[in-house]
Amino acid sequence: MKWHHVQANWAAFYEAIMDKWPDADESELDEIDGDQRAFLAYLVDVTGQEPEEIREELREWLVGEIPSDVVMDPVHDNHSIALSSKFVNEGEDEFSDDARFGDDSDKDD
């Protein structure tokens, strides 16, 4: 992914950011508002690592997947569904509607 994906959907990346850098604080991320330089400086401050180490970590992190709530278009959704086919039993269609199975919230505990 590119930084513009992160910047345009900054709040949607909070969970992924805090997974990668657990010392990050959500209120501080609010103030950074997707500014890459400010984010790098913040990570250097929070982690105590050298700027080049943080840049490398950020490059590696950007190789990861875009959170699903950021990408909500049919092309991406259909691609993700197709990838899920490895979890679907043989003979079943990963694109078929599973409404016949009902809602999980309808089950009695």
PDB file of N, CA and C in Angstrom:
ATOM      1  N   MET A   1       0.846  -1.166   0.000  1.00  0.00           N
ATOM      2  CA  MET A   1       0.000   0.000   0.000  1.00  0.00           C
ATOM      3  C   MET A   1       0.891   1.229   0.000  1.00  0.00           C
ATOM      4  N   LYS A   2       0.336   2.315  -0.383  1.00  0.00           N
ATOM      5  CA  LYS A   2       1.072   3.583  -0.436  1.00  0.00           C
ATOM      6  C   LYS A   2       0.626   4.466   0.732  1.00  0.00           C
ATOM      7  N   TRP A   3       1.479   5.440   1.073  1.00  0.00           N
ATOM      8  CA  TRP A   3       1.157   6.298   2.207  1.00  0.00           C
ATOM      9  C   TRP A   3      -0.153   7.048   1.993  1.00  0.00           C
ATOM     10  N   HIS A   4      -0.486   7.386   0.736  1.00  0.00           N
ATOM     11  CA  HIS A   4      -1.730   8.138   0.515  1.00  0.00           C
ATOM     12  C   HIS A   4      -2.950   7.323   0.953  1.00  0.00           C
ATOM     13  N   HIS A   5      -2.878   5.973   0.900  1.00  0.00           N
ATOM     14  CA  HIS A   5      -3.973   5.153   1.432  1.00  0.00           C
ATOM     15  C   HIS A   5      -4.104   5.371   2.942  1.00  0.00           C
ATOM     16  N   VAL A   6      -2.961   5.398   3.606  1.00  0.00           N
ATOM     17  CA  VAL A   6      -2.950   5.588   5.057  1.00  0.00           C
ATOM     18  C   VAL A   6      -3.455   6.983   5.406  1.00  0.00           C
ATOM     19  N   GLN A   7      -2.929   7.976   4.735  1.00  0.00           N
ATOM     20  CA  GLN A   7      -3.283   9.360   5.039  1.00  0.00           C
ATOM     21  C   GLN A   7      -4.768   9.626   4.799  1.00  0.00           C
ATOM     22  N   ALA A   8      -5.300   9.116   3.712  1.00  0.00           N
ATOM     23  CA  ALA A   8      -6.704   9.370   3.367  1.00  0.00           C
ATOM     24  C   ALA A   8      -7.669   8.672   4.319  1.00  0.00           C
ATOM     25  N   ASN A   9      -7.209   7.611   4.980  1.00  0.00           N
ATOM     26  CA  ASN A   9      -8.073   6.820   5.867  1.00  0.00           C
ATOM     27  C   ASN A   9      -7.411   6.639   7.228  1.00  0.00           C
ATOM     28  N   TRP A  10      -6.805   7.681   7.713  1.00  0.00           N
ATOM     29  CA  TRP A  10      -5.946   7.639   8.890  1.00  0.00           C
ATOM     30  C   TRP A  10      -6.570   6.890  10.068  1.00  0.00           C
ATOM     31  N   ALA A  11      -7.760   7.243  10.480  1.00  0.00           N
ATOM     32  CA  ALA A  11      -8.368   6.619  11.664  1.00  0.00           C
ATOM     33  C   ALA A  11      -8.586   5.121  11.477  1.00  0.00           C
ATOM     34  N   ALA A  12      -8.827   4.678  10.269  1.00  0.00           N
ATOM     35  CA  ALA A  12      -9.049   3.259  10.015  1.00  0.00           C
ATOM     36  C   ALA A  12      -7.777   2.443  10.237  1.00  0.00           C
ATOM     37  N   PHE A  13      -6.623   3.092  10.268  1.00  0.00           N
ATOM     38  CA  PHE A  13      -5.356   2.397  10.452  1.00  0.00           C
ATOM     39  C   PHE A  13      -4.911   2.352  11.912  1.00  0.00           C
ATOM     40  N   TYR A  14      -5.650   2.978  12.826  1.00  0.00           N
ATOM     41  CA  TYR A  14      -5.235   3.017  14.229  1.00  0.00           C
ATOM     42  C   TYR A  14      -4.964   1.628  14.788  1.00  0.00           C
ATOM     43  N   GLU A  15      -5.866   0.690  14.550  1.00  0.00           N
ATOM     44  CA  GLU A  15      -5.693  -0.656  15.096  1.00  0.00           C
ATOM     45  C   GLU A  15      -4.418  -1.299  14.563  1.00  0.00           C
ATOM     46  N   ALA A  16      -4.186  -1.188  13.265  1.00  0.00           N
ATOM     47  CA  ALA A  16      -2.980  -1.756  12.664  1.00  0.00           C
ATOM     48  C   ALA A  16      -1.722  -1.065  13.188  1.00  0.00           C
ATOM     49  N   ILE A  17      -1.795   0.241  13.394  1.00  0.00           N
ATOM     50  CA  ILE A  17      -0.658   0.987  13.932  1.00  0.00           C
ATOM     51  C   ILE A  17      -0.362   0.522  15.349  1.00  0.00           C
ATOM     52  N   MET A  18      -1.402   0.409  16.161  1.00  0.00           N
ATOM     53  CA  MET A  18      -1.187   0.025  17.551  1.00  0.00           C
ATOM     54  C   MET A  18      -0.810  -1.449  17.694  1.00  0.00           C
ATOM     55  N   ASP A  19      -1.163  -2.269  16.713  1.00  0.00           N
ATOM     56  CA  ASP A  19      -0.677  -3.652  16.704  1.00  0.00           C
ATOM     57  C   ASP A  19       0.828  -3.677  16.446  1.00  0.00           C
ATOM     58  N   LYS A  20       1.275  -2.866  15.516  1.00  0.00           N
ATOM     59  CA  LYS A  20       2.701  -2.826  15.147  1.00  0.00           C
ATOM     60  C   LYS A  20       3.519  -2.085  16.199  1.00  0.00           C
ATOM     61  N   TRP A  21       2.998  -0.965  16.695  1.00  0.00           N
ATOM     62  CA  TRP A  21       3.689  -0.145  17.679  1.00  0.00           C
ATOM     63  C   TRP A  21       2.778   0.030  18.895  1.00  0.00           C
ATOM     64  N   PRO A  22       2.814  -0.927  19.830  1.00  0.00           N
ATOM     65  CA  PRO A  22       1.883  -0.940  20.966  1.00  0.00           C
ATOM     66  C   PRO A  22       1.958   0.283  21.879  1.00  0.00           C
ATOM     67  N   ASP A  23       3.063   1.005  21.845  1.00  0.00           N
ATOM     68  CA  ASP A  23       3.190   2.191  22.691  1.00  0.00           C
ATOM     69  C   ASP A  23       2.501   3.418  22.101  1.00  0.00           C
ATOM     70  N   ALA A  24       1.994   3.290  20.890  1.00  0.00           N
ATOM     71  CA  ALA A  24       1.291   4.420  20.252  1.00  0.00           C
ATOM     72  C   ALA A  24       0.010   4.714  21.021  1.00  0.00           C
ATOM     73  N   ASP A  25      -0.352   5.965  21.060  1.00  0.00           N
ATOM     74  CA  ASP A  25      -1.536   6.421  21.783  1.00  0.00           C
ATOM     75  C   ASP A  25      -2.540   7.002  20.792  1.00  0.00           C
ATOM     76  N   GLU A  26      -3.785   6.596  20.913  1.00  0.00           N
ATOM     77  CA  GLU A  26      -4.808   7.013  19.955  1.00  0.00           C
ATOM     78  C   GLU A  26      -4.990   8.527  19.918  1.00  0.00           C
ATOM     79  N   SER A  27      -4.934   9.178  21.061  1.00  0.00           N
ATOM     80  CA  SER A  27      -5.109  10.641  21.067  1.00  0.00           C
ATOM     81  C   SER A  27      -3.948  11.335  20.350  1.00  0.00           C
ATOM     82  N   GLU A  28      -2.757  10.781  20.474  1.00  0.00           N
ATOM     83  CA  GLU A  28      -1.610  11.332  19.746  1.00  0.00           C
ATOM     84  C   GLU A  28      -1.766  11.096  18.242  1.00  0.00           C
ATOM     85  N   LEU A  29      -2.279   9.924  17.888  1.00  0.00           N
ATOM     86  CA  LEU A  29      -2.506   9.630  16.463  1.00  0.00           C
ATOM     87  C   LEU A  29      -3.531  10.590  15.875  1.00  0.00           C
ATOM     88  N   ASP A  30      -4.540  10.967  16.676  1.00  0.00           N
ATOM     89  CA  ASP A  30      -5.528  11.949  16.217  1.00  0.00           C
ATOM     90  C   ASP A  30      -4.843  13.252  15.811  1.00  0.00           C
ATOM     91  N   GLU A  31      -3.879  13.689  16.618  1.00  0.00           N
ATOM     92  CA  GLU A  31      -3.188  14.949  16.336  1.00  0.00           C
ATOM     93  C   GLU A  31      -2.286  14.851  15.109  1.00  0.00           C
ATOM     94  N   ILE A  32      -1.723  13.682  14.873  1.00  0.00           N
ATOM     95  CA  ILE A  32      -0.835  13.484  13.720  1.00  0.00           C
ATOM     96  C   ILE A  32      -1.620  13.562  12.421  1.00  0.00           C
ATOM     97  N   ASP A  33      -2.840  13.052  12.427  1.00  0.00           N
ATOM     98  CA  ASP A  33      -3.782  13.155  11.308  1.00  0.00           C
ATOM     99  C   ASP A  33      -3.193  12.747   9.957  1.00  0.00           C
ATOM    100  N   GLY A  34      -2.405  11.664   9.955  1.00  0.00           N
ATOM    101  CA  GLY A  34      -1.911  11.135   8.693  1.00  0.00           C
ATOM    102  C   GLY A  34      -0.660  11.782   8.136  1.00  0.00           C
ATOM    103  N   ASP A  35      -0.090  12.745   8.849  1.00  0.00           N
ATOM    104  CA  ASP A  35       1.136  13.408   8.392  1.00  0.00           C
ATOM    105  C   ASP A  35       2.307  12.443   8.578  1.00  0.00           C
ATOM    106  N   GLN A  36       2.909  11.997   7.492  1.00  0.00           N
ATOM    107  CA  GLN A  36       3.944  10.971   7.554  1.00  0.00           C
ATOM    108  C   GLN A  36       5.166  11.423   8.354  1.00  0.00           C
ATOM    109  N   ARG A  37       5.627  12.627   8.145  1.00  0.00           N
ATOM    110  CA  ARG A  37       6.800  13.119   8.887  1.00  0.00           C
ATOM    111  C   ARG A  37       6.510  13.201  10.382  1.00  0.00           C
ATOM    112  N   ALA A  38       5.330  13.696  10.727  1.00  0.00           N
ATOM    113  CA  ALA A  38       4.957  13.781  12.138  1.00  0.00           C
ATOM    114  C   ALA A  38       4.839  12.383  12.745  1.00  0.00           C
ATOM    115  N   PHE A  39       4.322  11.442  11.971  1.00  0.00           N
ATOM    116  CA  PHE A  39       4.182  10.072  12.447  1.00  0.00           C
ATOM    117  C   PHE A  39       5.554   9.440  12.690  1.00  0.00           C
ATOM    118  N   LEU A  40       6.475   9.638  11.750  1.00  0.00           N
ATOM    119  CA  LEU A  40       7.836   9.120  11.928  1.00  0.00           C
ATOM    120  C   LEU A  40       8.490   9.713  13.180  1.00  0.00           C
ATOM    121  N   ALA A  41       8.379  11.015  13.339  1.00  0.00           N
ATOM    122  CA  ALA A  41       8.965  11.678  14.508  1.00  0.00           C
ATOM    123  C   ALA A  41       8.323  11.148  15.797  1.00  0.00           C
ATOM    124  N   TYR A  42       7.020  10.951  15.769  1.00  0.00           N
ATOM    125  CA  TYR A  42       6.306  10.412  16.926  1.00  0.00           C
ATOM    126  C   TYR A  42       6.814   9.011  17.268  1.00  0.00           C
ATOM    127  N   LEU A  43       6.965   8.157  16.261  1.00  0.00           N
ATOM    128  CA  LEU A  43       7.439   6.790  16.506  1.00  0.00           C
ATOM    129  C   LEU A  43       8.864   6.777  17.047  1.00  0.00           C
ATOM    130  N   VAL A  44       9.711   7.661  16.550  1.00  0.00           N
ATOM    131  CA  VAL A  44      11.081   7.768  17.070  1.00  0.00           C
ATOM    132  C   VAL A  44      11.017   8.127  18.553  1.00  0.00           C
ATOM    133  N   ASP A  45      10.154   9.066  18.890  1.00  0.00           N
ATOM    134  CA  ASP A  45      10.008   9.506  20.280  1.00  0.00           C
ATOM    135  C   ASP A  45       9.447   8.396  21.169  1.00  0.00           C
ATOM    136  N   VAL A  46       8.407   7.722  20.696  1.00  0.00           N
ATOM    137  CA  VAL A  46       7.726   6.707  21.501  1.00  0.00           C
ATOM    138  C   VAL A  46       8.575   5.447  21.676  1.00  0.00           C
ATOM    139  N   THR A  47       9.241   5.021  20.610  1.00  0.00           N
ATOM    140  CA  THR A  47       9.981   3.761  20.661  1.00  0.00           C
ATOM    141  C   THR A  47      11.426   3.926  21.122  1.00  0.00           C
ATOM    142  N   GLY A  48      11.978   5.124  20.948  1.00  0.00           N
ATOM    143  CA  GLY A  48      13.380   5.334  21.289  1.00  0.00           C
ATOM    144  C   GLY A  48      14.337   4.792  20.245  1.00  0.00           C
ATOM    145  N   GLN A  49      13.796   4.365  19.111  1.00  0.00           N
ATOM    146  CA  GLN A  49      14.631   3.834  18.038  1.00  0.00           C
ATOM    147  C   GLN A  49      15.176   4.974  17.182  1.00  0.00           C
ATOM    148  N   GLU A  50      16.177   4.643  16.388  1.00  0.00           N
ATOM    149  CA  GLU A  50      16.760   5.600  15.464  1.00  0.00           C
ATOM    150  C   GLU A  50      15.781   5.851  14.311  1.00  0.00           C
ATOM    151  N   PRO A  51      15.807   7.056  13.744  1.00  0.00           N
ATOM    152  CA  PRO A  51      14.894   7.369  12.633  1.00  0.00           C
ATOM    153  C   PRO A  51      14.985   6.379  11.468  1.00  0.00           C
ATOM    154  N   GLU A  52      16.205   5.939  11.126  1.00  0.00           N
ATOM    155  CA  GLU A  52      16.338   5.003  10.007  1.00  0.00           C
ATOM    156  C   GLU A  52      15.693   3.657  10.320  1.00  0.00           C
ATOM    157  N   GLU A  53      15.772   3.224  11.574  1.00  0.00           N
ATOM    158  CA  GLU A  53      15.113   1.969  11.974  1.00  0.00           C
ATOM    159  C   GLU A  53      13.594   2.092  11.821  1.00  0.00           C
ATOM    160  N   ILE A  54      13.072   3.235  12.242  1.00  0.00           N
ATOM    161  CA  ILE A  54      11.628   3.461  12.141  1.00  0.00           C
ATOM    162  C   ILE A  54      11.213   3.553  10.680  1.00  0.00           C
ATOM    163  N   ARG A  55      11.997   4.220   9.852  1.00  0.00           N
ATOM    164  CA  ARG A  55      11.667   4.293   8.422  1.00  0.00           C
ATOM    165  C   ARG A  55      11.588   2.891   7.819  1.00  0.00           C
ATOM    166  N   GLU A  56      12.534   2.026   8.190  1.00  0.00           N
ATOM    167  CA  GLU A  56      12.536   0.656   7.673  1.00  0.00           C
ATOM    168  C   GLU A  56      11.315  -0.118   8.175  1.00  0.00           C
ATOM    169  N   GLU A  57      10.987   0.027   9.453  1.00  0.00           N
ATOM    170  CA  GLU A  57       9.788  -0.623   9.993  1.00  0.00           C
ATOM    171  C   GLU A  57       8.538  -0.137   9.271  1.00  0.00           C
ATOM    172  N   LEU A  58       8.474   1.158   9.013  1.00  0.00           N
ATOM    173  CA  LEU A  58       7.322   1.717   8.323  1.00  0.00           C
ATOM    174  C   LEU A  58       7.232   1.189   6.893  1.00  0.00           C
ATOM    175  N   ARG A  59       8.369   1.080   6.201  1.00  0.00           N
ATOM    176  CA  ARG A  59       8.378   0.500   4.853  1.00  0.00           C
ATOM    177  C   ARG A  59       7.844  -0.930   4.881  1.00  0.00           C
ATOM    178  N   GLU A  60       8.292  -1.715   5.840  1.00  0.00           N
ATOM    179  CA  GLU A  60       7.824  -3.098   5.975  1.00  0.00           C
ATOM    180  C   GLU A  60       6.329  -3.143   6.297  1.00  0.00           C
ATOM    181  N   TRP A  61       5.883  -2.231   7.159  1.00  0.00           N
ATOM    182  CA  TRP A  61       4.474  -2.184   7.551  1.00  0.00           C
ATOM    183  C   TRP A  61       3.589  -1.827   6.356  1.00  0.00           C
ATOM    184  N   LEU A  62       4.070  -0.947   5.506  1.00  0.00           N
ATOM    185  CA  LEU A  62       3.307  -0.533   4.334  1.00  0.00           C
ATOM    186  C   LEU A  62       3.135  -1.654   3.313  1.00  0.00           C
ATOM    187  N   VAL A  63       3.954  -2.689   3.406  1.00  0.00           N
ATOM    188  CA  VAL A  63       3.821  -3.835   2.514  1.00  0.00           C
ATOM    189  C   VAL A  63       2.576  -4.647   2.877  1.00  0.00           C
ATOM    190  N   GLY A  64       2.092  -4.493   4.096  1.00  0.00           N
ATOM    191  CA  GLY A  64       0.942  -5.257   4.579  1.00  0.00           C
ATOM    192  C   GLY A  64      -0.358  -4.909   3.873  1.00  0.00           C
ATOM    193  N   GLU A  65      -1.401  -5.575   4.305  1.00  0.00           N
ATOM    194  CA  GLU A  65      -2.730  -5.402   3.713  1.00  0.00           C
ATOM    195  C   GLU A  65      -3.402  -4.115   4.184  1.00  0.00           C
ATOM    196  N   ILE A  66      -4.222  -3.577   3.334  1.00  0.00           N
ATOM    197  CA  ILE A  66      -5.050  -2.430   3.688  1.00  0.00           C
ATOM    198  C   ILE A  66      -6.217  -2.958   4.523  1.00  0.00           C
ATOM    199  N   PRO A  67      -6.517  -2.338   5.665  1.00  0.00           N
ATOM    200  CA  PRO A  67      -7.650  -2.815   6.473  1.00  0.00           C
ATOM    201  C   PRO A  67      -8.936  -2.877   5.658  1.00  0.00           C
ATOM    202  N   SER A  68      -9.749  -3.877   5.941  1.00  0.00           N
ATOM    203  CA  SER A  68     -10.946  -4.122   5.131  1.00  0.00           C
ATOM    204  C   SER A  68     -11.929  -2.959   5.153  1.00  0.00           C
ATOM    205  N   ASP A  69     -11.981  -2.199   6.247  1.00  0.00           N
ATOM    206  CA  ASP A  69     -12.927  -1.092   6.274  1.00  0.00           C
ATOM    207  C   ASP A  69     -12.446   0.105   5.459  1.00  0.00           C
ATOM    208  N   VAL A  70     -11.222   0.038   4.941  1.00  0.00           N
ATOM    209  CA  VAL A  70     -10.717   1.090   4.060  1.00  0.00           C
ATOM    210  C   VAL A  70     -11.112   0.797   2.621  1.00  0.00           C
ATOM    211  N   VAL A  71     -10.990  -0.444   2.227  1.00  0.00           N
ATOM    212  CA  VAL A  71     -11.260  -0.832   0.843  1.00  0.00           C
ATOM    213  C   VAL A  71     -12.633  -1.485   0.795  1.00  0.00           C
ATOM    214  N   MET A  72     -13.590  -0.782   0.272  1.00  0.00           N
ATOM    215  CA  MET A  72     -14.960  -1.294   0.215  1.00  0.00           C
ATOM    216  C   MET A  72     -15.487  -1.170  -1.209  1.00  0.00           C
ATOM    217  N   ASP A  73     -14.786  -1.785  -2.145  1.00  0.00           N
ATOM    218  CA  ASP A  73     -15.261  -1.745  -3.512  1.00  0.00           C
ATOM    219  C   ASP A  73     -15.458  -3.176  -4.008  1.00  0.00           C
ATOM    220  N   PRO A  74     -16.346  -3.375  -4.953  1.00  0.00           N
ATOM    221  CA  PRO A  74     -16.671  -4.729  -5.414  1.00  0.00           C
ATOM    222  C   PRO A  74     -15.470  -5.508  -5.942  1.00  0.00           C
ATOM    223  N   VAL A  75     -14.534  -4.851  -6.597  1.00  0.00           N
ATOM    224  CA  VAL A  75     -13.377  -5.563  -7.140  1.00  0.00           C
ATOM    225  C   VAL A  75     -12.559  -6.164  -5.998  1.00  0.00           C
ATOM    226  N   HIS A  76     -12.275  -5.365  -5.000  1.00  0.00           N
ATOM    227  CA  HIS A  76     -11.502  -5.855  -3.863  1.00  0.00           C
ATOM    228  C   HIS A  76     -12.284  -6.913  -3.101  1.00  0.00           C
ATOM    229  N   ASP A  77     -13.571  -6.681  -2.882  1.00  0.00           N
ATOM    230  CA  ASP A  77     -14.394  -7.644  -2.156  1.00  0.00           C
ATOM    231  C   ASP A  77     -14.437  -8.985  -2.877  1.00  0.00           C
ATOM    232  N   ASN A  78     -14.654  -8.966  -4.184  1.00  0.00           N
ATOM    233  CA  ASN A  78     -14.710 -10.211  -4.947  1.00  0.00           C
ATOM    234  C   ASN A  78     -13.357 -10.926  -4.938  1.00  0.00           C
ATOM    235  N   HIS A  79     -12.280 -10.164  -4.973  1.00  0.00           N
ATOM    236  CA  HIS A  79     -10.949 -10.760  -4.896  1.00  0.00           C
ATOM    237  C   HIS A  79     -10.763 -11.453  -3.542  1.00  0.00           C
ATOM    238  N   SER A  80     -11.178 -10.786  -2.471  1.00  0.00           N
ATOM    239  CA  SER A  80     -11.066 -11.369  -1.136  1.00  0.00           C
ATOM    240  C   SER A  80     -11.932 -12.618  -1.002  1.00  0.00           C
ATOM    241  N   ILE A  81     -13.104 -12.579  -1.569  1.00  0.00           N
ATOM    242  CA  ILE A  81     -13.983 -13.751  -1.535  1.00  0.00           C
ATOM    243  C   ILE A  81     -13.336 -14.910  -2.286  1.00  0.00           C
ATOM    244  N   ALA A  82     -12.786 -14.615  -3.434  1.00  0.00           N
ATOM    245  CA  ALA A  82     -12.122 -15.666  -4.211  1.00  0.00           C
ATOM    246  C   ALA A  82     -10.957 -16.267  -3.432  1.00  0.00           C
ATOM    247  N   LEU A  83     -10.207 -15.442  -2.723  1.00  0.00           N
ATOM    248  CA  LEU A  83      -9.102 -15.946  -1.912  1.00  0.00           C
ATOM    249  C   LEU A  83      -9.603 -16.826  -0.766  1.00  0.00           C
ATOM    250  N   SER A  84     -10.812 -16.570  -0.311  1.00  0.00           N
ATOM    251  CA  SER A  84     -11.365 -17.352   0.793  1.00  0.00           C
ATOM    252  C   SER A  84     -11.781 -18.746   0.354  1.00  0.00           C
ATOM    253  N   SER A  85     -11.731 -19.026  -0.930  1.00  0.00           N
ATOM    254  CA  SER A  85     -12.180 -20.326  -1.433  1.00  0.00           C
ATOM    255  C   SER A  85     -11.407 -21.485  -0.825  1.00  0.00           C
ATOM    256  N   LYS A  86     -10.191 -21.243  -0.372  1.00  0.00           N
ATOM    257  CA  LYS A  86      -9.430 -22.327   0.241  1.00  0.00           C
ATOM    258  C   LYS A  86     -10.045 -22.784   1.563  1.00  0.00           C
ATOM    259  N   PHE A  87     -10.950 -21.994   2.122  1.00  0.00           N
ATOM    260  CA  PHE A  87     -11.612 -22.355   3.367  1.00  0.00           C
ATOM    261  C   PHE A  87     -13.020 -22.912   3.139  1.00  0.00           C
ATOM    262  N   VAL A  88     -13.426 -23.014   1.889  1.00  0.00           N
ATOM    263  CA  VAL A  88     -14.764 -23.498   1.544  1.00  0.00           C
ATOM    264  C   VAL A  88     -14.646 -24.958   1.097  1.00  0.00           C
ATOM    265  N   ASN A  89     -15.559 -25.775   1.575  1.00  0.00           N
ATOM    266  CA  ASN A  89     -15.519 -27.192   1.226  1.00  0.00           C
ATOM    267  C   ASN A  89     -15.663 -27.401  -0.276  1.00  0.00           C
ATOM    268  N   GLU A  90     -15.102 -28.487  -0.751  1.00  0.00           N
ATOM    269  CA  GLU A  90     -15.177 -28.820  -2.163  1.00  0.00           C
ATOM    270  C   GLU A  90     -16.637 -28.958  -2.581  1.00  0.00           C
ATOM    271  N   GLY A  91     -16.977 -28.422  -3.740  1.00  0.00           N
ATOM    272  CA  GLY A  91     -18.341 -28.487  -4.242  1.00  0.00           C
ATOM    273  C   GLY A  91     -19.193 -27.296  -3.842  1.00  0.00           C
ATOM    274  N   GLU A  92     -18.731 -26.484  -2.897  1.00  0.00           N
ATOM    275  CA  GLU A  92     -19.462 -25.280  -2.500  1.00  0.00           C
ATOM    276  C   GLU A  92     -18.913 -24.095  -3.276  1.00  0.00           C
ATOM    277  N   ASP A  93     -19.755 -23.109  -3.465  1.00  0.00           N
ATOM    278  CA  ASP A  93     -19.367 -21.904  -4.196  1.00  0.00           C
ATOM    279  C   ASP A  93     -19.101 -20.785  -3.202  1.00  0.00           C
ATOM    280  N   GLU A  94     -17.862 -20.263  -3.194  1.00  0.00           N
ATOM    281  CA  GLU A  94     -17.516 -19.200  -2.250  1.00  0.00           C
ATOM    282  C   GLU A  94     -18.311 -17.925  -2.475  1.00  0.00           C
ATOM    283  N   PHE A  95     -18.913 -17.780  -3.668  1.00  0.00           N
ATOM    284  CA  PHE A  95     -19.703 -16.589  -3.963  1.00  0.00           C
ATOM    285  C   PHE A  95     -21.184 -16.766  -3.634  1.00  0.00           C
ATOM    286  N   SER A  96     -21.593 -17.965  -3.244  1.00  0.00           N
ATOM    287  CA  SER A  96     -23.017 -18.186  -3.004  1.00  0.00           C
ATOM    288  C   SER A  96     -23.460 -17.516  -1.700  1.00  0.00           C
ATOM    289  N   ASP A  97     -24.710 -17.180  -1.641  1.00  0.00           N
ATOM    290  CA  ASP A  97     -25.296 -16.526  -0.477  1.00  0.00           C
ATOM    291  C   ASP A  97     -25.482 -17.561   0.627  1.00  0.00           C
ATOM    292  N   ASP A  98     -25.009 -17.250   1.824  1.00  0.00           N
ATOM    293  CA  ASP A  98     -25.156 -18.196   2.923  1.00  0.00           C
ATOM    294  C   ASP A  98     -26.302 -17.823   3.864  1.00  0.00           C
ATOM    295  N   ALA A  99     -27.263 -17.050   3.359  1.00  0.00           N
ATOM    296  CA  ALA A  99     -28.388 -16.620   4.185  1.00  0.00           C
ATOM    297  C   ALA A  99     -29.195 -17.799   4.727  1.00  0.00           C
ATOM    298  N   ARG A 100     -29.197 -18.888   4.013  1.00  0.00           N
ATOM    299  CA  ARG A 100     -29.972 -20.047   4.468  1.00  0.00           C
ATOM    300  C   ARG A 100     -29.461 -20.604   5.793  1.00  0.00           C
ATOM    301  N   PHE A 101     -28.251 -20.234   6.169  1.00  0.00           N
ATOM    302  CA  PHE A 101     -27.704 -20.719   7.428  1.00  0.00           C
ATOM    303  C   PHE A 101     -28.170 -19.877   8.613  1.00  0.00           C
ATOM    304  N   GLY A 102     -28.807 -18.758   8.350  1.00  0.00           N
ATOM    305  CA  GLY A 102     -29.330 -17.922   9.424  1.00  0.00           C
ATOM    306  C   GLY A 102     -28.274 -17.016  10.021  1.00  0.00           C
ATOM    307  N   ASP A 103     -28.707 -16.239  10.956  1.00  0.00           N
ATOM    308  CA  ASP A 103     -27.845 -15.273  11.625  1.00  0.00           C
ATOM    309  C   ASP A 103     -27.291 -15.912  12.890  1.00  0.00           C
ATOM    310  N   ASP A 104     -26.032 -15.726  13.163  1.00  0.00           N
ATOM    311  CA  ASP A 104     -25.426 -16.277  14.379  1.00  0.00           C
ATOM    312  C   ASP A 104     -26.102 -15.765  15.636  1.00  0.00           C
ATOM    313  N   SER A 105     -26.634 -14.560  15.583  1.00  0.00           N
ATOM    314  CA  SER A 105     -27.276 -14.003  16.783  1.00  0.00           C
ATOM    315  C   SER A 105     -28.612 -14.673  17.084  1.00  0.00           C
ATOM    316  N   ASP A 106     -29.144 -15.473  16.148  1.00  0.00           N
ATOM    317  CA  ASP A 106     -30.402 -16.180  16.378  1.00  0.00           C
ATOM    318  C   ASP A 106     -30.218 -17.454  17.176  1.00  0.00           C
ATOM    319  N   LYS A 107     -28.977 -17.891  17.346  1.00  0.00           N
ATOM    320  CA  LYS A 107     -28.708 -19.138  18.049  1.00  0.00           C
ATOM    321  C   LYS A 107     -28.924 -18.970  19.541  1.00  0.00           C
ATOM    322  N   ASP A 108     -29.428 -20.021  20.158  1.00  0.00           N
ATOM    323  CA  ASP A 108     -29.590 -20.029  21.611  1.00  0.00           C
ATOM    324  C   ASP A 108     -28.274 -20.416  22.249  1.00  0.00           C
ATOM    325  N   ASP A 109     -27.947 -19.755  23.328  1.00  0.00           N
ATOM    326  CA  ASP A 109     -26.686 -20.074  24.020  1.00  0.00           C
ATOM    327  C   ASP A 109     -26.878 -21.171  25.016  1.00  0.00           C
TER     328      ASP A 109
END
